[in-house]
């Protein structure tokens, strides 16, 4: 793999040269620090570089959007984190942001405007759909998933919160695989159990964890791959697959990872 495919320009370096990127890639906490989701960041960066998209990241200047703090009820911490990020974004005169995290997407798009942060914010599923539709991302036929089944788990913050249902599915339909739906999908999709800061607390008493229930629904489709578009969902569904002892036969992959596997070299 060439170093060019992993090239990640810093916003500070571009600004110092008087340059401005087409989009700012908001990596997010998971994409920066979670070992599993780092691979999604790398896959998306490779796609951007292959297509020739001018992008940059904030690097050390990026901090948590404040989403977990607000969902957990700490409004003061949320506003501190949000205002810090907005100050940085506005200083760089950022106009367009793309992120692979629905939580970051929802917060920056829908909640930052109240605090003075006004940007065009795009989730990577929509961005990938646009690149495919425009013919900028061309996919090779065949591959390890040719003829196999893929099911897609709707992220709450992407689906019900922002009404984005078709973009991820259009991305998956571009692959040589069969898209199979769970009974609860789209507007009636079942939460993975991590949203609303539930990711960071102990489970409450009950008969079954939500992520186990959701994973069972995914496995019932007979899918070989559970496609996700959210780091929270990725963690919960991966844990569910391990709980069902299916990790050797069923993979949980992000849209960017699937596209990266089959993207033709420019």
Protein backbone atom coordinates (compact mmCIF):
# COMPACT_ATOMS: atom_id res chain seq x y z
CA UNK A 1 0.00 0.00 0.00
CA UNK A 2 1.46 3.31 -1.05
CA UNK A 3 2.01 6.10 1.46
CA UNK A 4 -0.05 8.40 -0.78
CA UNK A 5 -3.22 6.47 0.05
CA UNK A 6 -2.69 7.14 3.75
CA UNK A 7 -1.79 10.81 3.34
CA UNK A 8 -3.74 12.88 5.89
CA UNK A 9 -3.17 16.66 5.62
CA UNK A 10 -3.54 18.77 8.76
CA UNK A 11 -5.78 21.81 8.59
CA UNK A 12 -3.13 23.91 10.34
CA UNK A 13 -0.54 23.00 7.70
CA UNK A 14 -2.88 23.82 4.83
CA UNK A 15 -3.89 27.12 6.40
CA UNK A 16 -0.22 28.06 6.86
CA UNK A 17 0.20 27.66 3.09
CA UNK A 18 -2.89 29.73 2.42
CA UNK A 19 -4.75 26.67 1.15
CA UNK A 20 -8.27 25.46 1.96
CA UNK A 21 -9.57 21.88 1.63
CA UNK A 22 -12.76 20.95 -0.21
CA UNK A 23 -13.95 19.20 2.96
CA UNK A 24 -12.85 18.87 6.56
CA UNK A 25 -12.84 15.22 7.66
CA UNK A 26 -14.11 15.14 11.25
CA UNK A 27 -12.54 11.95 12.59
CA UNK A 28 -14.29 11.77 15.97
CA UNK A 29 -13.22 10.09 19.20
CA UNK A 30 -13.86 6.53 18.00
CA UNK A 31 -12.16 7.08 14.67
CA UNK A 32 -9.12 8.48 16.49
CA UNK A 33 -8.77 6.21 19.51
CA UNK A 34 -10.85 3.03 19.18
CA UNK A 35 -8.64 0.29 17.74
CA UNK A 36 -11.46 -1.25 15.73
CA UNK A 37 -12.78 2.02 14.29
CA UNK A 38 -9.32 3.28 13.34
CA UNK A 39 -9.55 0.86 10.40
CA UNK A 40 -12.70 2.69 9.24
CA UNK A 41 -10.81 5.99 9.35
CA UNK A 42 -7.98 4.49 7.32
CA UNK A 43 -10.39 3.00 4.77
CA UNK A 44 -12.19 6.30 4.30
CA UNK A 45 -8.90 8.20 3.96
CA UNK A 46 -7.77 5.74 1.28
CA UNK A 47 -11.01 6.31 -0.62
CA UNK A 48 -10.63 10.11 -0.43
CA UNK A 49 -7.03 9.96 -1.61
CA UNK A 50 -7.77 7.59 -4.49
CA UNK A 51 -10.58 9.83 -5.71
CA UNK A 52 -8.47 12.95 -5.32
CA UNK A 53 -10.71 14.75 -2.84
CA UNK A 54 -8.96 17.71 -1.20
CA UNK A 55 -9.46 17.18 2.53
CA UNK A 56 -7.84 17.89 5.87
CA UNK A 57 -8.24 16.93 9.52
CA UNK A 58 -7.90 19.07 12.63
CA UNK A 59 -5.59 16.59 14.38
CA UNK A 60 -4.85 17.68 17.95
CA UNK A 61 -7.17 20.66 17.50
CA UNK A 62 -10.20 18.36 17.26
CA UNK A 63 -11.92 17.36 20.51
CA UNK A 64 -15.10 15.49 21.39
CA UNK A 65 -18.23 17.16 20.00
CA UNK A 66 -19.85 16.97 23.42
CA UNK A 67 -22.56 14.52 22.33
CA UNK A 68 -21.96 11.98 25.15
CA UNK A 69 -21.93 14.77 27.75
CA UNK A 70 -25.27 16.20 26.56
CA UNK A 71 -26.93 12.77 26.34
CA UNK A 72 -25.72 12.00 29.86
CA UNK A 73 -27.23 15.26 31.13
CA UNK A 74 -24.08 17.37 31.53
CA UNK A 75 -25.15 20.43 29.53
CA UNK A 76 -22.34 22.59 30.95
CA UNK A 77 -19.65 20.20 29.69
CA UNK A 78 -21.39 19.90 26.31
CA UNK A 79 -21.39 23.65 25.79
CA UNK A 80 -17.73 23.93 26.82
CA UNK A 81 -16.72 21.24 24.32
CA UNK A 82 -18.97 22.57 21.57
CA UNK A 83 -17.82 26.17 21.90
CA UNK A 84 -14.18 25.10 21.82
CA UNK A 85 -14.72 23.19 18.57
CA UNK A 86 -16.81 25.95 17.01
CA UNK A 87 -14.08 28.48 17.74
CA UNK A 88 -11.51 26.33 15.94
CA UNK A 89 -13.81 25.60 12.98
CA UNK A 90 -14.77 29.25 12.56
CA UNK A 91 -11.18 30.43 12.77
CA UNK A 92 -10.37 28.14 9.84
CA UNK A 93 -13.56 29.33 8.07
CA UNK A 94 -14.69 25.75 7.60
CA UNK A 95 -17.76 25.42 5.38
CA UNK A 96 -18.10 21.69 4.66
CA UNK A 97 -17.57 18.78 7.07
CA UNK A 98 -17.75 15.02 6.45
CA UNK A 99 -17.72 12.48 9.29
CA UNK A 100 -18.15 8.72 9.65
CA UNK A 101 -19.87 9.05 13.04
CA UNK A 102 -23.65 9.69 13.12
CA UNK A 103 -23.34 11.11 16.64
CA UNK A 104 -20.77 13.71 15.53
CA UNK A 105 -22.85 14.29 12.39
CA UNK A 106 -26.06 14.92 14.33
CA UNK A 107 -24.45 17.16 16.93
CA UNK A 108 -22.47 19.37 14.53
CA UNK A 109 -25.32 19.56 12.00
CA UNK A 110 -28.29 20.08 14.31
CA UNK A 111 -26.96 21.41 17.63
CA UNK A 112 -23.90 23.52 16.82
CA UNK A 113 -25.95 26.17 14.93
CA UNK A 114 -27.55 27.21 18.24
CA UNK A 115 -24.05 28.08 19.48
CA UNK A 116 -22.83 29.86 16.35
CA UNK A 117 -21.50 26.91 14.35
CA UNK A 118 -23.05 26.84 10.87
CA UNK A 119 -21.65 24.27 8.45
CA UNK A 120 -22.68 21.90 5.70
CA UNK A 121 -22.33 18.53 7.42
CA UNK A 122 -22.38 15.25 5.49
CA UNK A 123 -22.28 11.70 6.83
CA UNK A 124 -19.81 9.46 5.05
CA UNK A 125 -22.62 7.17 3.81
CA UNK A 126 -24.12 10.07 1.84
CA UNK A 127 -20.67 11.20 0.71
CA UNK A 128 -19.82 7.70 -0.56
CA UNK A 129 -23.19 7.48 -2.31
CA UNK A 130 -22.46 10.76 -4.11
CA UNK A 131 -18.99 9.60 -5.16
CA UNK A 132 -20.42 6.35 -6.56
CA UNK A 133 -23.29 8.09 -8.36
CA UNK A 134 -20.89 10.63 -9.88
CA UNK A 135 -18.68 7.81 -11.14
CA UNK A 136 -15.72 8.97 -9.04
CA UNK A 137 -15.64 5.69 -7.12
CA UNK A 138 -15.60 2.71 -9.46
CA UNK A 139 -15.98 -0.74 -7.95
CA UNK A 140 -14.34 -3.96 -9.09
CA UNK A 141 -16.66 -6.92 -9.59
CA UNK A 142 -16.44 -10.14 -7.62
CA UNK A 143 -14.44 -10.30 -4.43
CA UNK A 144 -14.93 -12.26 -1.26
CA UNK A 145 -18.56 -11.14 -0.84
CA UNK A 146 -19.75 -11.94 -4.38
CA UNK A 147 -23.09 -13.71 -4.11
CA UNK A 148 -23.15 -13.43 -0.34
CA UNK A 149 -25.75 -11.70 1.80
CA UNK A 150 -25.29 -8.36 3.57
CA UNK A 151 -27.76 -6.87 6.05
CA UNK A 152 -27.65 -3.24 7.12
CA UNK A 153 -28.25 -2.02 10.66
CA UNK A 154 -29.80 1.46 10.78
CA UNK A 155 -28.07 3.84 13.17
CA UNK A 156 -30.65 5.77 15.23
CA UNK A 157 -28.79 9.07 14.84
CA UNK A 158 -28.53 8.58 11.09
CA UNK A 159 -31.98 7.15 10.49
CA UNK A 160 -34.72 8.36 12.78
CA UNK A 161 -32.83 11.48 13.86
CA UNK A 162 -31.84 12.62 10.36
CA UNK A 163 -33.98 10.56 7.97
CA UNK A 164 -31.00 9.05 6.13
CA UNK A 165 -32.06 5.55 5.10
CA UNK A 166 -31.41 5.16 1.38
CA UNK A 167 -27.82 6.44 1.05
CA UNK A 168 -26.23 3.55 2.99
CA UNK A 169 -28.35 1.03 1.11
CA UNK A 170 -27.42 2.50 -2.27
CA UNK A 171 -23.76 2.18 -1.32
CA UNK A 172 -24.26 -1.50 -0.42
CA UNK A 173 -26.27 -2.19 -3.58
CA UNK A 174 -23.25 -1.09 -5.62
CA UNK A 175 -21.44 -4.21 -4.37
CA UNK A 176 -21.71 -7.74 -5.80
CA UNK A 177 -23.80 -8.93 -2.88
CA UNK A 178 -27.44 -9.44 -1.94
CA UNK A 179 -28.87 -6.86 0.47
CA UNK A 180 -31.26 -8.57 2.90
CA UNK A 181 -33.33 -6.55 5.36
CA UNK A 182 -34.11 -7.30 8.97
CA UNK A 183 -37.80 -7.24 9.91
CA UNK A 184 -37.21 -4.11 11.99
CA UNK A 185 -35.47 -1.68 9.67
CA UNK A 186 -35.57 1.92 8.47
CA UNK A 187 -38.06 3.94 10.58
CA UNK A 188 -38.79 0.85 12.70
CA UNK A 189 -35.20 -0.21 13.15
CA UNK A 190 -34.15 -1.40 16.61
CA UNK A 191 -31.47 0.56 18.46
CA UNK A 192 -28.18 -1.27 19.05
CA UNK A 193 -28.40 -0.18 22.67
CA UNK A 194 -25.51 2.31 22.74
CA UNK A 195 -27.18 5.65 21.99
CA UNK A 196 -28.06 8.32 24.49
CA UNK A 197 -24.79 7.70 26.39
CA UNK A 198 -25.93 4.14 27.22
CA UNK A 199 -22.60 3.03 25.74
CA UNK A 200 -20.84 4.24 28.87
CA UNK A 201 -22.97 2.78 31.66
CA UNK A 202 -23.60 -0.62 33.15
CA UNK A 203 -26.53 -2.64 31.87
CA UNK A 204 -29.84 -2.42 33.68
CA UNK A 205 -31.74 -5.46 34.88
CA UNK A 206 -33.70 -7.32 32.23
CA UNK A 207 -34.02 -10.55 30.30
CA UNK A 208 -31.71 -9.70 27.42
CA UNK A 209 -29.30 -7.01 26.26
CA UNK A 210 -30.63 -4.92 23.35
CA UNK A 211 -27.54 -5.56 21.25
CA UNK A 212 -28.06 -9.32 21.61
CA UNK A 213 -31.68 -8.94 20.48
CA UNK A 214 -30.58 -6.87 17.50
CA UNK A 215 -27.75 -9.24 16.58
CA UNK A 216 -30.13 -12.18 16.65
CA UNK A 217 -32.35 -10.33 14.18
CA UNK A 218 -29.35 -9.72 11.92
CA UNK A 219 -28.22 -13.33 12.07
CA UNK A 220 -31.76 -14.53 11.31
CA UNK A 221 -31.45 -12.98 7.83
CA UNK A 222 -28.69 -15.44 7.01
CA UNK A 223 -26.33 -12.57 6.24
CA UNK A 224 -22.60 -13.14 5.97
CA UNK A 225 -21.91 -9.47 6.71
CA UNK A 226 -23.60 -7.02 9.06
CA UNK A 227 -22.97 -3.57 7.62
CA UNK A 228 -22.81 -0.61 9.99
CA UNK A 229 -22.24 3.11 9.58
CA UNK A 230 -21.59 4.12 13.19
CA UNK A 231 -18.81 3.37 15.70
CA UNK A 232 -21.32 2.79 18.50
CA UNK A 233 -23.29 0.32 16.38
CA UNK A 234 -20.05 -1.34 15.26
CA UNK A 235 -19.07 -2.05 18.86
CA UNK A 236 -22.49 -3.29 19.96
CA UNK A 237 -23.10 -5.51 16.94
CA UNK A 238 -19.56 -6.93 17.09
CA UNK A 239 -20.07 -7.79 20.76
CA UNK A 240 -23.39 -9.39 19.84
CA UNK A 241 -21.79 -11.55 17.16
CA UNK A 242 -19.14 -12.67 19.65
CA UNK A 243 -21.86 -13.45 22.20
CA UNK A 244 -23.52 -15.71 19.62
CA UNK A 245 -20.09 -17.26 18.81
CA UNK A 246 -20.44 -16.34 15.13
CA UNK A 247 -17.38 -14.11 14.74
CA UNK A 248 -15.67 -16.66 12.46
CA UNK A 249 -18.55 -16.78 9.99
CA UNK A 250 -20.21 -13.33 10.22
CA UNK A 251 -18.28 -10.08 9.83
CA UNK A 252 -19.34 -6.64 11.07
CA UNK A 253 -17.97 -4.04 8.65
CA UNK A 254 -18.40 -0.34 8.01
CA UNK A 255 -19.52 0.95 4.62
CA UNK A 256 -16.11 2.56 4.04
CA UNK A 257 -14.34 -0.77 4.67
CA UNK A 258 -16.58 -2.54 2.16
CA UNK A 259 -16.08 0.11 -0.52
CA UNK A 260 -12.32 0.28 0.11
CA UNK A 261 -12.04 -3.45 -0.58
CA UNK A 262 -13.53 -3.11 -4.06
CA UNK A 263 -12.58 0.38 -5.19
CA UNK A 264 -10.59 0.34 -8.42
CA UNK A 265 -7.24 2.09 -8.40
CA UNK A 266 -7.33 5.49 -10.11
